[in-house]
Amino acid sequence: MKKFEEKTITKNELFKGKIISLQIEDVELPNGKTSKREIIKHPGAVCVIAKTDDDKLIMVEQYRKALERSIVEIPAGKLEPGELPEVTAERELEEETGYGCKTLTHLISFYTSPGFADELVHVYIAEGLYKIENSHGTDEDEFVELMEVTLEEAEKMVLNQRIFDAKTAYAVQYLRLEQLRKLT
């Protein structure tokens, strides 16, 4: 038995959408009592730290309806069924920025909100960027503005909440830590 495991007694899917589903689970707690859990199932996602040869970051500004505002983010997107994360990363980099890359390296993966969702985000760094001729561009329901920013500019955007999402803030902090590590 896993430490603190909650055993599922029943599952009831309340909603199944294009991207997520919501289910209610009755669970047995480690102390024998029961409780309910609301769980969002998500196919997983990727995000890409796209670095130019002159150490600028390729970011996109886009409107996020859930927040009712525009924010600046690194390129990202959800996994398609059966798609490997590195394939998703290459596809999203091209779709959102029009760039390809010579090297794509997986850095880490993390859960966004493990208290209620199973979304796992895979973080990649793309280097050796090149513009793709005849790139298909963004999805028809996606409107983005491309930006190139320095690490210092990105840090200021975190502080003034133009960068306001965990994956992008994580990417900015990762790059700063890498710079500091190289100095020691």
Protein backbone atom coordinates (compact mmCIF):
# COMPACT_ATOMS: atom_id res chain seq x y z
CA MET A 1 0.00 0.00 0.00
CA LYS A 2 1.25 3.46 -0.89
CA LYS A 3 1.64 5.88 2.01
CA PHE A 4 -1.57 7.87 2.56
CA GLU A 5 -3.25 6.13 -0.41
CA GLU A 6 -6.91 6.89 -0.98
CA LYS A 7 -8.69 3.90 -2.51
CA THR A 8 -11.30 4.71 -5.14
CA ILE A 9 -14.71 3.25 -4.33
CA THR A 10 -16.71 4.78 -7.21
CA LYS A 11 -16.06 7.15 -10.15
CA ASN A 12 -18.64 9.29 -11.86
CA GLU A 13 -17.74 11.36 -14.93
CA LEU A 14 -19.71 14.62 -14.78
CA PHE A 15 -18.29 16.31 -17.88
CA LYS A 16 -16.22 15.31 -20.90
CA GLY A 17 -15.00 18.18 -23.04
CA LYS A 18 -12.56 18.65 -25.91
CA ILE A 19 -9.60 19.05 -23.55
CA ILE A 20 -10.58 18.07 -20.02
CA SER A 21 -13.01 15.87 -18.18
CA LEU A 22 -14.33 16.23 -14.63
CA GLN A 23 -15.05 13.27 -12.43
CA ILE A 24 -16.21 12.81 -8.85
CA GLU A 25 -14.65 9.96 -6.93
CA ASP A 26 -15.78 8.46 -3.65
CA VAL A 27 -12.62 7.39 -1.84
CA GLU A 28 -11.70 5.48 1.26
CA LEU A 29 -9.19 7.42 3.35
CA PRO A 30 -6.24 5.80 5.18
CA ASN A 31 -8.22 6.00 8.44
CA GLY A 32 -11.14 4.02 6.94
CA LYS A 33 -13.50 6.99 6.54
CA THR A 34 -14.80 8.09 3.15
CA SER A 35 -14.67 11.37 1.26
CA LYS A 36 -15.35 12.82 -2.21
CA ARG A 37 -12.71 14.07 -4.66
CA GLU A 38 -13.36 16.33 -7.66
CA ILE A 39 -10.71 15.49 -10.26
CA ILE A 40 -9.93 17.12 -13.59
CA LYS A 41 -8.37 14.71 -16.09
CA HIS A 42 -6.07 16.36 -18.63
CA PRO A 43 -4.03 14.78 -21.46
CA GLY A 44 -0.85 16.62 -20.43
CA ALA A 45 1.03 19.47 -22.06
CA VAL A 46 4.41 20.81 -23.05
CA CYS A 47 6.07 24.19 -22.83
CA VAL A 48 9.15 25.36 -24.69
CA ILE A 49 11.85 27.76 -23.57
CA ALA A 50 12.86 29.03 -27.01
CA LYS A 51 16.26 30.76 -26.88
CA THR A 52 17.70 32.72 -29.80
CA ASP A 53 21.42 32.70 -30.59
CA ASP A 54 21.72 36.10 -28.87
CA ASP A 55 20.10 34.74 -25.67
CA LYS A 56 16.68 36.27 -26.13
CA LEU A 57 13.53 34.35 -25.30
CA ILE A 58 10.77 33.90 -27.84
CA MET A 59 7.46 34.48 -26.06
CA VAL A 60 3.88 34.99 -27.08
CA GLU A 61 1.27 37.34 -25.71
CA GLN A 62 -2.25 36.01 -25.86
CA TYR A 63 -5.64 36.50 -24.27
CA ARG A 64 -6.63 33.94 -21.66
CA LYS A 65 -10.39 33.86 -21.17
CA ALA A 66 -10.15 32.13 -17.77
CA LEU A 67 -8.18 35.18 -16.53
CA GLU A 68 -10.08 37.74 -18.66
CA ARG A 69 -6.77 39.29 -19.72
CA SER A 70 -3.72 38.94 -21.92
CA ILE A 71 -0.51 37.51 -20.52
CA VAL A 72 2.97 36.80 -21.87
CA GLU A 73 3.91 33.11 -22.02
CA ILE A 74 6.44 30.72 -23.43
CA PRO A 75 5.08 28.58 -26.31
CA ALA A 76 2.99 25.70 -25.01
CA GLY A 77 0.20 23.31 -25.87
CA LYS A 78 -1.55 20.09 -24.99
CA LEU A 79 -0.53 16.60 -26.02
CA GLU A 80 -2.62 15.00 -28.74
CA PRO A 81 -3.69 11.36 -28.14
CA GLY A 82 -0.68 9.05 -28.54
CA GLU A 83 1.68 11.93 -29.29
CA LEU A 84 5.13 11.97 -27.69
CA PRO A 85 5.88 15.13 -25.68
CA GLU A 86 8.90 16.04 -27.85
CA VAL A 87 6.71 15.91 -30.97
CA THR A 88 4.17 18.18 -29.28
CA ALA A 89 6.98 20.56 -28.28
CA GLU A 90 8.26 20.83 -31.87
CA ARG A 91 4.71 21.27 -33.21
CA GLU A 92 3.78 23.96 -30.68
CA LEU A 93 7.05 25.84 -31.23
CA GLU A 94 6.31 26.01 -34.95
CA GLU A 95 2.58 26.74 -34.60
CA GLU A 96 2.98 29.53 -32.06
CA THR A 97 6.22 31.12 -33.25
CA GLY A 98 7.00 29.98 -36.80
CA TYR A 99 10.36 28.64 -35.57
CA GLY A 100 12.00 25.22 -35.62
CA CYS A 101 15.06 24.26 -33.61
CA LYS A 102 18.29 22.32 -34.07
CA THR A 103 18.25 20.98 -30.50
CA LEU A 104 15.33 20.25 -28.20
CA THR A 105 16.18 19.12 -24.69
CA HIS A 106 13.78 17.90 -22.01
CA LEU A 107 14.49 19.69 -18.72
CA ILE A 108 11.84 18.51 -16.26
CA SER A 109 8.14 17.68 -15.92
CA PHE A 110 5.78 18.94 -13.23
CA TYR A 111 2.15 18.68 -12.16
CA THR A 112 0.32 22.01 -12.36
CA SER A 113 -2.35 21.56 -9.67
CA PRO A 114 -2.10 18.11 -8.05
CA GLY A 115 -4.82 18.89 -5.52
CA PHE A 116 -7.49 18.53 -8.19
CA ALA A 117 -5.93 17.87 -11.61
CA ASP A 118 -3.59 15.30 -13.18
CA GLU A 119 -2.12 17.69 -15.82
CA LEU A 120 1.58 16.95 -16.30
CA VAL A 121 3.61 19.62 -18.13
CA HIS A 122 6.88 18.66 -19.84
CA VAL A 123 9.40 21.53 -20.04
CA TYR A 124 11.79 21.69 -23.00
CA ILE A 125 14.49 24.10 -24.06
CA ALA A 126 14.85 24.79 -27.80
CA GLU A 127 18.12 26.16 -29.15
CA GLY A 128 19.53 26.75 -32.60
CA LEU A 129 16.29 28.37 -33.68
CA TYR A 130 15.53 28.94 -37.35
CA LYS A 131 12.54 30.50 -39.11
CA ILE A 132 10.36 27.97 -40.93
CA GLU A 133 9.29 29.09 -44.39
CA ASN A 134 5.59 28.52 -45.13
CA SER A 135 4.85 27.74 -41.47
CA HIS A 136 1.16 26.96 -40.96
CA GLY A 137 1.02 29.36 -38.01
CA THR A 138 -1.38 29.31 -35.11
CA ASP A 139 -4.64 27.42 -34.80
CA GLU A 140 -7.68 29.24 -36.22
CA ASP A 141 -8.98 30.02 -32.70
CA GLU A 142 -5.60 31.22 -31.39
CA PHE A 143 -4.40 34.82 -31.64
CA VAL A 144 -0.87 35.57 -30.45
CA GLU A 145 1.71 38.31 -30.72
CA LEU A 146 5.34 37.18 -30.94
CA MET A 147 7.92 38.82 -28.68
CA GLU A 148 11.68 38.53 -28.16
CA VAL A 149 12.78 39.51 -24.66
CA THR A 150 15.92 39.34 -22.58
CA LEU A 151 15.97 37.38 -19.35
CA GLU A 152 16.02 40.67 -17.42
CA GLU A 153 12.94 41.91 -19.30
CA ALA A 154 11.18 38.61 -18.58
CA GLU A 155 11.98 38.93 -14.87
CA LYS A 156 10.42 42.41 -14.85
CA MET A 157 7.34 40.95 -16.56
CA VAL A 158 7.04 38.40 -13.76
CA LEU A 159 7.22 41.19 -11.17
CA ASN A 160 4.60 43.35 -12.93
CA GLN A 161 2.42 40.30 -13.69
CA ARG A 162 2.54 40.42 -17.47
CA ILE A 163 4.00 36.93 -17.02
CA PHE A 164 1.42 35.44 -14.71
CA ASP A 165 1.46 31.68 -15.24
CA ALA A 166 3.49 29.01 -13.47
CA LYS A 167 5.14 27.43 -16.51
CA THR A 168 6.55 30.72 -17.78
CA ALA A 169 7.59 31.97 -14.34
CA TYR A 170 9.27 28.59 -13.83
CA ALA A 171 11.13 28.96 -17.15
CA VAL A 172 12.38 32.45 -16.23
CA GLN A 173 13.60 31.25 -12.84
CA TYR A 174 15.22 28.19 -14.37
CA LEU A 175 17.23 30.35 -16.78
CA ARG A 176 18.32 32.70 -13.98
CA LEU A 177 19.44 29.76 -11.82
CA GLU A 178 21.37 28.31 -14.77
CA GLN A 179 23.18 31.64 -15.17
CA LEU A 180 24.04 31.70 -11.46
CA ARG A 181 25.19 28.05 -11.55
CA LYS A 182 27.58 28.86 -14.39
CA LEU A 183 29.11 31.69 -12.33
CA THR A 184 30.02 29.39 -9.44
